[in-house]
Amino acid sequence: MNLRAISLALALLAFWLVLSGHYEPRMLALGVGSVLLVLYLSIRMGVVDEEGVPVHLLARVPVYGLWLTKEIFLASVRVARIILDPRLPIRPGLARYPLRQRTEVGRVSYANSITLTPGTLTVRMEGEELEVHSLTRPEAGGPADDPMSRWVCWLEQGGER
């Protein structure tokens, strides 16, 4: 077994333990059996690879998660201000953002991060760009200076933010 398979097994086992809350020997044996079955099927399906089990990202995920949490909070405050404003200054619009991420994991992480941020929704990911719907029209020069794209590139490749 390789490192990816072992890390997948450990993650599945930890997830099972947290969700089940049962620590009797019989239940633990059933949990281990379930994890081994899922691991076997995953290996047979060929999904235990760099994309399916991206262990190389684990060191950077907590930093990115904290940054994304801050962005979600700030976006929530901006959306609340817009909604509570008596003039309701919404100007919905669609914008296209270039995908600078190299891997599918990076591209999907970028699209999901946009969707998690209140006021924005990734509508389509096609070719080398995303189509994003936003509550207010994007600012001028947006995609070129998009900090979220830079952060996801950093998460994906370990490059600069």
N, C-alpha and C. Protein backbone atom coordinates (compact mmCIF):
# COMPACT_ATOMS: atom_id res chain seq x y z
N MET A 1 0.84 -1.19 0.00
CA MET A 1 0.00 0.00 0.00
C MET A 1 0.88 1.24 0.00
N ASN A 2 0.42 2.26 -0.69
CA ASN A 2 1.20 3.50 -0.74
C ASN A 2 0.69 4.51 0.28
N LEU A 3 1.37 5.65 0.34
CA LEU A 3 1.02 6.69 1.32
C LEU A 3 -0.40 7.21 1.12
N ARG A 4 -0.83 7.36 -0.12
CA ARG A 4 -2.19 7.86 -0.39
C ARG A 4 -3.25 6.89 0.12
N ALA A 5 -3.04 5.61 -0.08
CA ALA A 5 -4.01 4.61 0.39
C ALA A 5 -4.06 4.59 1.91
N ILE A 6 -2.92 4.67 2.55
CA ILE A 6 -2.87 4.68 4.02
C ILE A 6 -3.55 5.93 4.56
N SER A 7 -3.27 7.09 3.95
CA SER A 7 -3.89 8.33 4.43
C SER A 7 -5.40 8.32 4.19
N LEU A 8 -5.85 7.73 3.08
CA LEU A 8 -7.29 7.61 2.83
C LEU A 8 -7.93 6.71 3.89
N ALA A 9 -7.28 5.59 4.19
CA ALA A 9 -7.81 4.67 5.20
C ALA A 9 -7.90 5.36 6.56
N LEU A 10 -6.87 6.10 6.94
CA LEU A 10 -6.88 6.79 8.23
C LEU A 10 -7.96 7.87 8.27
N ALA A 11 -8.11 8.60 7.18
CA ALA A 11 -9.15 9.64 7.12
C ALA A 11 -10.54 9.03 7.21
N LEU A 12 -10.77 7.94 6.48
CA LEU A 12 -12.07 7.28 6.53
C LEU A 12 -12.36 6.72 7.92
N LEU A 13 -11.35 6.14 8.55
CA LEU A 13 -11.53 5.59 9.88
C LEU A 13 -11.83 6.69 10.90
N ALA A 14 -11.09 7.80 10.82
CA ALA A 14 -11.34 8.92 11.74
C ALA A 14 -12.74 9.49 11.52
N PHE A 15 -13.14 9.63 10.26
CA PHE A 15 -14.48 10.13 9.93
C PHE A 15 -15.54 9.19 10.48
N TRP A 16 -15.34 7.90 10.30
CA TRP A 16 -16.29 6.91 10.80
C TRP A 16 -16.40 6.99 12.32
N LEU A 17 -15.26 7.09 13.00
CA LEU A 17 -15.27 7.16 14.46
C LEU A 17 -15.99 8.40 14.97
N VAL A 18 -15.75 9.53 14.33
CA VAL A 18 -16.40 10.78 14.75
C VAL A 18 -17.91 10.69 14.54
N LEU A 19 -18.33 10.16 13.41
CA LEU A 19 -19.76 10.10 13.12
C LEU A 19 -20.49 9.02 13.91
N SER A 20 -19.85 7.88 14.14
CA SER A 20 -20.56 6.78 14.80
C SER A 20 -20.65 6.99 16.31
N GLY A 21 -19.55 7.36 16.94
CA GLY A 21 -19.55 7.53 18.39
C GLY A 21 -19.61 6.22 19.15
N HIS A 22 -19.50 5.09 18.47
CA HIS A 22 -19.52 3.77 19.12
C HIS A 22 -18.12 3.21 19.17
N TYR A 23 -17.70 2.78 20.37
CA TYR A 23 -16.35 2.30 20.54
C TYR A 23 -16.30 0.89 21.12
N GLU A 24 -17.39 0.13 20.99
CA GLU A 24 -17.39 -1.26 21.42
C GLU A 24 -16.63 -2.08 20.38
N PRO A 25 -16.01 -3.18 20.79
CA PRO A 25 -15.20 -3.97 19.86
C PRO A 25 -15.95 -4.40 18.60
N ARG A 26 -17.19 -4.84 18.74
CA ARG A 26 -17.94 -5.28 17.56
C ARG A 26 -18.17 -4.13 16.58
N MET A 27 -18.53 -2.96 17.09
CA MET A 27 -18.76 -1.80 16.23
C MET A 27 -17.46 -1.32 15.59
N LEU A 28 -16.37 -1.35 16.36
CA LEU A 28 -15.07 -0.96 15.80
C LEU A 28 -14.67 -1.92 14.67
N ALA A 29 -14.92 -3.21 14.87
CA ALA A 29 -14.61 -4.19 13.82
C ALA A 29 -15.44 -3.92 12.57
N LEU A 30 -16.71 -3.59 12.73
CA LEU A 30 -17.55 -3.26 11.58
C LEU A 30 -17.04 -1.99 10.88
N GLY A 31 -16.61 -1.01 11.66
CA GLY A 31 -16.06 0.21 11.08
C GLY A 31 -14.79 -0.05 10.30
N VAL A 32 -13.89 -0.84 10.87
CA VAL A 32 -12.64 -1.18 10.18
C VAL A 32 -12.96 -1.97 8.91
N GLY A 33 -13.90 -2.90 9.02
CA GLY A 33 -14.30 -3.66 7.84
C GLY A 33 -14.86 -2.77 6.74
N SER A 34 -15.68 -1.80 7.13
CA SER A 34 -16.24 -0.86 6.16
C SER A 34 -15.15 -0.03 5.49
N VAL A 35 -14.21 0.44 6.29
CA VAL A 35 -13.11 1.24 5.75
C VAL A 35 -12.28 0.41 4.78
N LEU A 36 -11.99 -0.83 5.15
CA LEU A 36 -11.19 -1.69 4.26
C LEU A 36 -11.93 -1.98 2.96
N LEU A 37 -13.25 -2.17 3.03
CA LEU A 37 -14.03 -2.41 1.81
C LEU A 37 -14.00 -1.17 0.91
N VAL A 38 -14.22 0.00 1.49
CA VAL A 38 -14.19 1.24 0.70
C VAL A 38 -12.79 1.46 0.12
N LEU A 39 -11.76 1.19 0.90
CA LEU A 39 -10.39 1.35 0.41
C LEU A 39 -10.12 0.39 -0.76
N TYR A 40 -10.54 -0.86 -0.62
CA TYR A 40 -10.36 -1.83 -1.70
C TYR A 40 -11.08 -1.37 -2.97
N LEU A 41 -12.34 -0.94 -2.82
CA LEU A 41 -13.09 -0.48 -3.99
C LEU A 41 -12.47 0.77 -4.60
N SER A 42 -11.96 1.66 -3.77
CA SER A 42 -11.32 2.89 -4.28
C SER A 42 -10.07 2.57 -5.08
N ILE A 43 -9.29 1.63 -4.58
CA ILE A 43 -8.07 1.23 -5.29
C ILE A 43 -8.45 0.55 -6.61
N ARG A 44 -9.45 -0.32 -6.58
CA ARG A 44 -9.89 -1.00 -7.81
C ARG A 44 -10.42 -0.01 -8.85
N MET A 45 -11.09 1.06 -8.38
CA MET A 45 -11.63 2.08 -9.29
C MET A 45 -10.56 3.03 -9.79
N GLY A 46 -9.40 3.01 -9.17
CA GLY A 46 -8.31 3.88 -9.60
C GLY A 46 -8.44 5.33 -9.15
N VAL A 47 -9.14 5.56 -8.03
CA VAL A 47 -9.31 6.93 -7.57
C VAL A 47 -8.34 7.31 -6.44
N VAL A 48 -7.46 6.39 -6.07
CA VAL A 48 -6.47 6.70 -5.04
C VAL A 48 -5.22 7.20 -5.75
N ASP A 49 -5.32 8.44 -6.23
CA ASP A 49 -4.21 9.06 -6.94
C ASP A 49 -4.04 10.48 -6.43
N GLU A 50 -3.21 11.26 -7.10
CA GLU A 50 -2.93 12.63 -6.65
C GLU A 50 -4.18 13.50 -6.61
N GLU A 51 -5.09 13.28 -7.52
CA GLU A 51 -6.31 14.08 -7.56
C GLU A 51 -7.36 13.57 -6.58
N GLY A 52 -7.48 12.26 -6.46
CA GLY A 52 -8.50 11.68 -5.58
C GLY A 52 -8.17 11.79 -4.10
N VAL A 53 -6.89 11.73 -3.77
CA VAL A 53 -6.43 11.83 -2.38
C VAL A 53 -5.26 12.82 -2.37
N PRO A 54 -5.55 14.11 -2.37
CA PRO A 54 -4.48 15.12 -2.48
C PRO A 54 -3.77 15.40 -1.15
N VAL A 55 -3.01 14.43 -0.66
CA VAL A 55 -2.32 14.60 0.62
C VAL A 55 -1.27 15.70 0.57
N HIS A 56 -0.79 16.05 -0.63
CA HIS A 56 0.22 17.09 -0.75
C HIS A 56 -0.33 18.48 -0.37
N LEU A 57 -1.66 18.60 -0.28
CA LEU A 57 -2.27 19.88 0.08
C LEU A 57 -2.51 20.03 1.58
N LEU A 58 -2.37 18.96 2.34
CA LEU A 58 -2.76 18.97 3.75
C LEU A 58 -2.08 20.06 4.57
N ALA A 59 -0.84 20.35 4.30
CA ALA A 59 -0.12 21.35 5.11
C ALA A 59 -0.66 22.75 4.87
N ARG A 60 -1.17 23.03 3.66
CA ARG A 60 -1.64 24.38 3.34
C ARG A 60 -3.14 24.58 3.55
N VAL A 61 -3.90 23.50 3.68
CA VAL A 61 -5.36 23.61 3.82
C VAL A 61 -5.78 24.43 5.04
N PRO A 62 -5.18 24.25 6.22
CA PRO A 62 -5.62 25.07 7.37
C PRO A 62 -5.44 26.57 7.14
N VAL A 63 -4.34 26.97 6.53
CA VAL A 63 -4.10 28.40 6.27
C VAL A 63 -5.14 28.91 5.28
N TYR A 64 -5.37 28.16 4.21
CA TYR A 64 -6.38 28.57 3.22
C TYR A 64 -7.77 28.58 3.85
N GLY A 65 -8.06 27.60 4.69
CA GLY A 65 -9.36 27.54 5.36
C GLY A 65 -9.61 28.76 6.23
N LEU A 66 -8.59 29.20 6.96
CA LEU A 66 -8.75 30.42 7.78
C LEU A 66 -8.98 31.65 6.91
N TRP A 67 -8.21 31.76 5.83
CA TRP A 67 -8.39 32.90 4.93
C TRP A 67 -9.79 32.87 4.32
N LEU A 68 -10.25 31.71 3.89
CA LEU A 68 -11.57 31.59 3.27
C LEU A 68 -12.68 31.91 4.28
N THR A 69 -12.50 31.47 5.52
CA THR A 69 -13.48 31.78 6.57
C THR A 69 -13.59 33.28 6.78
N LYS A 70 -12.45 33.97 6.78
CA LYS A 70 -12.45 35.43 6.91
C LYS A 70 -13.19 36.07 5.73
N GLU A 71 -12.92 35.59 4.52
CA GLU A 71 -13.57 36.14 3.33
C GLU A 71 -15.08 35.89 3.34
N ILE A 72 -15.49 34.72 3.81
CA ILE A 72 -16.92 34.40 3.91
C ILE A 72 -17.59 35.34 4.89
N PHE A 73 -16.93 35.60 6.03
CA PHE A 73 -17.48 36.53 7.01
C PHE A 73 -17.61 37.94 6.44
N LEU A 74 -16.53 38.43 5.79
CA LEU A 74 -16.57 39.78 5.22
C LEU A 74 -17.64 39.89 4.13
N ALA A 75 -17.77 38.85 3.29
CA ALA A 75 -18.79 38.87 2.25
C ALA A 75 -20.19 38.84 2.86
N SER A 76 -20.36 38.12 3.95
CA SER A 76 -21.65 38.07 4.63
C SER A 76 -22.04 39.45 5.15
N VAL A 77 -21.07 40.16 5.68
CA VAL A 77 -21.33 41.53 6.17
C VAL A 77 -21.71 42.43 4.99
N ARG A 78 -20.98 42.32 3.87
CA ARG A 78 -21.31 43.14 2.69
C ARG A 78 -22.71 42.84 2.17
N VAL A 79 -23.08 41.56 2.10
CA VAL A 79 -24.41 41.18 1.62
C VAL A 79 -25.47 41.68 2.59
N ALA A 80 -25.22 41.58 3.89
CA ALA A 80 -26.18 42.08 4.89
C ALA A 80 -26.39 43.58 4.74
N ARG A 81 -25.31 44.33 4.51
CA ARG A 81 -25.44 45.77 4.30
C ARG A 81 -26.28 46.08 3.06
N ILE A 82 -26.07 45.34 2.00
CA ILE A 82 -26.83 45.55 0.77
C ILE A 82 -28.31 45.26 1.01
N ILE A 83 -28.59 44.18 1.70
CA ILE A 83 -29.98 43.80 1.94
C ILE A 83 -30.68 44.77 2.88
N LEU A 84 -29.97 45.26 3.88
CA LEU A 84 -30.57 46.16 4.85
C LEU A 84 -30.64 47.61 4.36
N ASP A 85 -29.94 47.92 3.30
CA ASP A 85 -30.00 49.26 2.73
C ASP A 85 -31.39 49.52 2.17
N PRO A 86 -32.04 50.63 2.55
CA PRO A 86 -33.40 50.90 2.06
C PRO A 86 -33.48 51.01 0.53
N ARG A 87 -32.38 51.40 -0.12
CA ARG A 87 -32.39 51.52 -1.58
C ARG A 87 -32.15 50.17 -2.27
N LEU A 88 -31.76 49.16 -1.50
CA LEU A 88 -31.46 47.82 -2.01
C LEU A 88 -30.59 47.90 -3.26
N PRO A 89 -29.32 48.33 -3.10
CA PRO A 89 -28.46 48.57 -4.27
C PRO A 89 -27.88 47.30 -4.91
N ILE A 90 -28.75 46.40 -5.32
CA ILE A 90 -28.23 45.21 -6.00
C ILE A 90 -28.17 45.48 -7.50
N ARG A 91 -27.16 44.99 -8.11
CA ARG A 91 -26.98 45.07 -9.57
C ARG A 91 -26.42 43.73 -10.02
N PRO A 92 -27.29 42.71 -10.07
CA PRO A 92 -26.79 41.38 -10.41
C PRO A 92 -26.13 41.36 -11.78
N GLY A 93 -25.17 40.49 -11.92
CA GLY A 93 -24.48 40.39 -13.19
C GLY A 93 -23.65 39.13 -13.29
N LEU A 94 -23.30 38.79 -14.50
CA LEU A 94 -22.43 37.65 -14.77
C LEU A 94 -21.06 38.15 -15.17
N ALA A 95 -20.04 37.46 -14.72
CA ALA A 95 -18.67 37.81 -15.10
C ALA A 95 -17.92 36.53 -15.40
N ARG A 96 -16.94 36.65 -16.26
CA ARG A 96 -16.10 35.50 -16.59
C ARG A 96 -14.73 35.72 -15.95
N TYR A 97 -14.26 34.66 -15.32
CA TYR A 97 -12.97 34.70 -14.66
C TYR A 97 -12.05 33.65 -15.30
N PRO A 98 -10.84 34.01 -15.62
CA PRO A 98 -9.92 33.01 -16.20
C PRO A 98 -9.49 32.03 -15.11
N LEU A 99 -9.31 30.79 -15.49
CA LEU A 99 -8.81 29.77 -14.57
C LEU A 99 -7.30 29.71 -14.68
N ARG A 100 -6.61 30.09 -13.61
CA ARG A 100 -5.15 30.03 -13.61
C ARG A 100 -4.64 28.77 -12.92
N GLN A 101 -5.56 27.98 -12.37
CA GLN A 101 -5.17 26.76 -11.67
C GLN A 101 -4.83 25.69 -12.69
N ARG A 102 -3.86 24.85 -12.34
CA ARG A 102 -3.38 23.83 -13.28
C ARG A 102 -4.13 22.51 -13.19
N THR A 103 -4.58 22.14 -11.99
CA THR A 103 -5.20 20.84 -11.79
C THR A 103 -6.70 20.98 -11.62
N GLU A 104 -7.40 19.86 -11.77
CA GLU A 104 -8.84 19.85 -11.55
C GLU A 104 -9.16 20.15 -10.09
N VAL A 105 -8.34 19.66 -9.17
CA VAL A 105 -8.55 19.95 -7.75
C VAL A 105 -8.50 21.45 -7.52
N GLY A 106 -7.53 22.13 -8.11
CA GLY A 106 -7.41 23.58 -7.96
C GLY A 106 -8.59 24.31 -8.58
N ARG A 107 -9.01 23.89 -9.75
CA ARG A 107 -10.13 24.55 -10.44
C ARG A 107 -11.43 24.37 -9.67
N VAL A 108 -11.67 23.16 -9.20
CA VAL A 108 -12.90 22.91 -8.44
C VAL A 108 -12.85 23.63 -7.10
N SER A 109 -11.68 23.69 -6.48
CA SER A 109 -11.54 24.43 -5.21
C SER A 109 -11.85 25.91 -5.42
N TYR A 110 -11.38 26.47 -6.52
CA TYR A 110 -11.65 27.88 -6.83
C TYR A 110 -13.14 28.09 -7.06
N ALA A 111 -13.77 27.25 -7.87
CA ALA A 111 -15.20 27.38 -8.14
C ALA A 111 -16.02 27.23 -6.86
N ASN A 112 -15.69 26.26 -6.03
CA ASN A 112 -16.43 26.06 -4.79
C ASN A 112 -16.19 27.19 -3.79
N SER A 113 -14.99 27.72 -3.76
CA SER A 113 -14.70 28.85 -2.86
C SER A 113 -15.53 30.07 -3.25
N ILE A 114 -15.68 30.29 -4.54
CA ILE A 114 -16.52 31.40 -5.01
C ILE A 114 -17.96 31.18 -4.58
N THR A 115 -18.45 29.97 -4.77
CA THR A 115 -19.84 29.67 -4.41
C THR A 115 -20.07 29.75 -2.91
N LEU A 116 -19.08 29.39 -2.10
CA LEU A 116 -19.22 29.48 -0.64
C LEU A 116 -19.30 30.92 -0.16
N THR A 117 -18.75 31.84 -0.93
CA THR A 117 -18.74 33.24 -0.53
C THR A 117 -20.11 33.86 -0.82
N PRO A 118 -20.80 34.37 0.20
CA PRO A 118 -22.13 34.94 -0.01
C PRO A 118 -22.12 36.05 -1.07
N GLY A 119 -23.17 36.04 -1.90
CA GLY A 119 -23.30 37.05 -2.93
C GLY A 119 -22.74 36.62 -4.27
N THR A 120 -22.10 35.45 -4.33
CA THR A 120 -21.53 34.97 -5.59
C THR A 120 -21.89 33.50 -5.78
N LEU A 121 -21.98 33.10 -7.04
CA LEU A 121 -22.32 31.73 -7.37
C LEU A 121 -21.63 31.35 -8.67
N THR A 122 -20.88 30.28 -8.66
CA THR A 122 -20.26 29.79 -9.89
C THR A 122 -21.35 29.10 -10.71
N VAL A 123 -21.59 29.63 -11.89
CA VAL A 123 -22.64 29.11 -12.75
C VAL A 123 -22.11 28.03 -13.68
N ARG A 124 -20.91 28.24 -14.21
CA ARG A 124 -20.37 27.31 -15.19
C ARG A 124 -18.85 27.32 -15.12
N MET A 125 -18.27 26.14 -15.31
CA MET A 125 -16.82 26.02 -15.41
C MET A 125 -16.57 25.30 -16.73
N GLU A 126 -16.11 26.05 -17.70
CA GLU A 126 -15.95 25.48 -19.03
C GLU A 126 -14.65 25.96 -19.64
N GLY A 127 -13.89 25.04 -20.18
CA GLY A 127 -12.63 25.41 -20.81
C GLY A 127 -11.68 26.02 -19.81
N GLU A 128 -11.23 27.22 -20.12
CA GLU A 128 -10.25 27.90 -19.28
C GLU A 128 -10.85 29.05 -18.48
N GLU A 129 -12.19 29.04 -18.27
CA GLU A 129 -12.78 30.13 -17.50
C GLU A 129 -14.02 29.68 -16.73
N LEU A 130 -14.32 30.49 -15.71
CA LEU A 130 -15.52 30.31 -14.90
C LEU A 130 -16.51 31.41 -15.23
N GLU A 131 -17.77 31.08 -15.14
CA GLU A 131 -18.79 32.11 -15.24
C GLU A 131 -19.41 32.23 -13.86
N VAL A 132 -19.39 33.46 -13.33
CA VAL A 132 -19.81 33.70 -11.96
C VAL A 132 -20.93 34.72 -11.93
N HIS A 133 -22.01 34.39 -11.21
CA HIS A 133 -23.10 35.34 -10.99
C HIS A 133 -22.85 36.01 -9.66
N SER A 134 -23.02 37.33 -9.63
CA SER A 134 -22.81 38.04 -8.37
C SER A 134 -23.97 39.00 -8.11
N LEU A 135 -24.17 39.28 -6.84
CA LEU A 135 -25.24 40.16 -6.41
C LEU A 135 -25.01 41.60 -6.87
N THR A 136 -23.76 41.99 -6.92
CA THR A 136 -23.40 43.30 -7.44
C THR A 136 -22.41 43.09 -8.56
N ARG A 137 -22.40 43.96 -9.51
CA ARG A 137 -21.50 43.79 -10.65
C ARG A 137 -20.05 43.79 -10.18
N PRO A 138 -19.23 42.95 -10.80
CA PRO A 138 -17.82 42.90 -10.40
C PRO A 138 -17.13 44.24 -10.65
N GLU A 139 -16.14 44.51 -9.82
CA GLU A 139 -15.38 45.75 -9.96
C GLU A 139 -14.48 45.68 -11.19
N ALA A 140 -14.10 46.83 -11.69
CA ALA A 140 -13.22 46.88 -12.86
C ALA A 140 -11.89 46.23 -12.55
N GLY A 141 -11.38 45.46 -13.48
CA GLY A 141 -10.10 44.80 -13.30
C GLY A 141 -10.14 43.60 -12.38
N GLY A 142 -11.34 43.18 -11.98
CA GLY A 142 -11.53 42.11 -11.02
C GLY A 142 -10.72 40.86 -11.23
N PRO A 143 -10.92 40.14 -12.34
CA PRO A 143 -10.26 38.84 -12.47
C PRO A 143 -8.74 38.90 -12.40
N ALA A 144 -8.13 39.93 -12.93
CA ALA A 144 -6.67 40.00 -12.94
C ALA A 144 -6.12 40.16 -11.52
N ASP A 145 -6.89 40.82 -10.66
CA ASP A 145 -6.44 41.07 -9.29
C ASP A 145 -7.17 40.20 -8.27
N ASP A 146 -7.76 39.10 -8.70
CA ASP A 146 -8.58 38.27 -7.83
C ASP A 146 -7.73 37.56 -6.77
N PRO A 147 -7.85 37.98 -5.50
CA PRO A 147 -7.05 37.34 -4.45
C PRO A 147 -7.43 35.88 -4.23
N MET A 148 -8.70 35.53 -4.46
CA MET A 148 -9.11 34.14 -4.26
C MET A 148 -8.38 33.22 -5.24
N SER A 149 -8.23 33.66 -6.48
CA SER A 149 -7.52 32.87 -7.47
C SER A 149 -6.06 32.69 -7.06
N ARG A 150 -5.45 33.77 -6.56
CA ARG A 150 -4.06 33.68 -6.10
C ARG A 150 -3.93 32.71 -4.93
N TRP A 151 -4.88 32.77 -3.99
CA TRP A 151 -4.84 31.89 -2.83
C TRP A 151 -5.02 30.43 -3.25
N VAL A 152 -5.92 30.17 -4.18
CA VAL A 152 -6.12 28.78 -4.62
C VAL A 152 -4.88 28.29 -5.37
N CYS A 153 -4.25 29.17 -6.15
CA CYS A 153 -2.98 28.78 -6.81
C CYS A 153 -1.93 28.45 -5.75
N TRP A 154 -1.88 29.23 -4.69
CA TRP A 154 -0.94 28.96 -3.60
C TRP A 154 -1.27 27.61 -2.95
N LEU A 155 -2.55 27.36 -2.71
CA LEU A 155 -2.97 26.09 -2.12
C LEU A 155 -2.57 24.93 -3.02
N GLU A 156 -2.81 25.09 -4.28
CA GLU A 156 -2.57 24.03 -5.26
C GLU A 156 -1.09 23.77 -5.51
N GLN A 157 -0.30 24.83 -5.60
CA GLN A 157 1.09 24.70 -6.04
C GLN A 157 2.11 25.11 -5.00
N GLY A 158 1.67 25.78 -3.95
CA GLY A 158 2.62 26.27 -2.97
C GLY A 158 3.35 27.51 -3.40
N GLY A 159 2.82 28.19 -4.42
CA GLY A 159 3.45 29.41 -4.94
C GLY A 159 3.10 30.62 -4.08
N GLU A 160 3.33 31.80 -4.65
CA GLU A 160 3.06 33.04 -3.93
C GLU A 160 1.57 33.29 -3.84
N ARG A 161 1.19 34.04 -2.79
CA ARG A 161 -0.20 34.47 -2.63
C ARG A 161 -0.34 35.77 -3.28
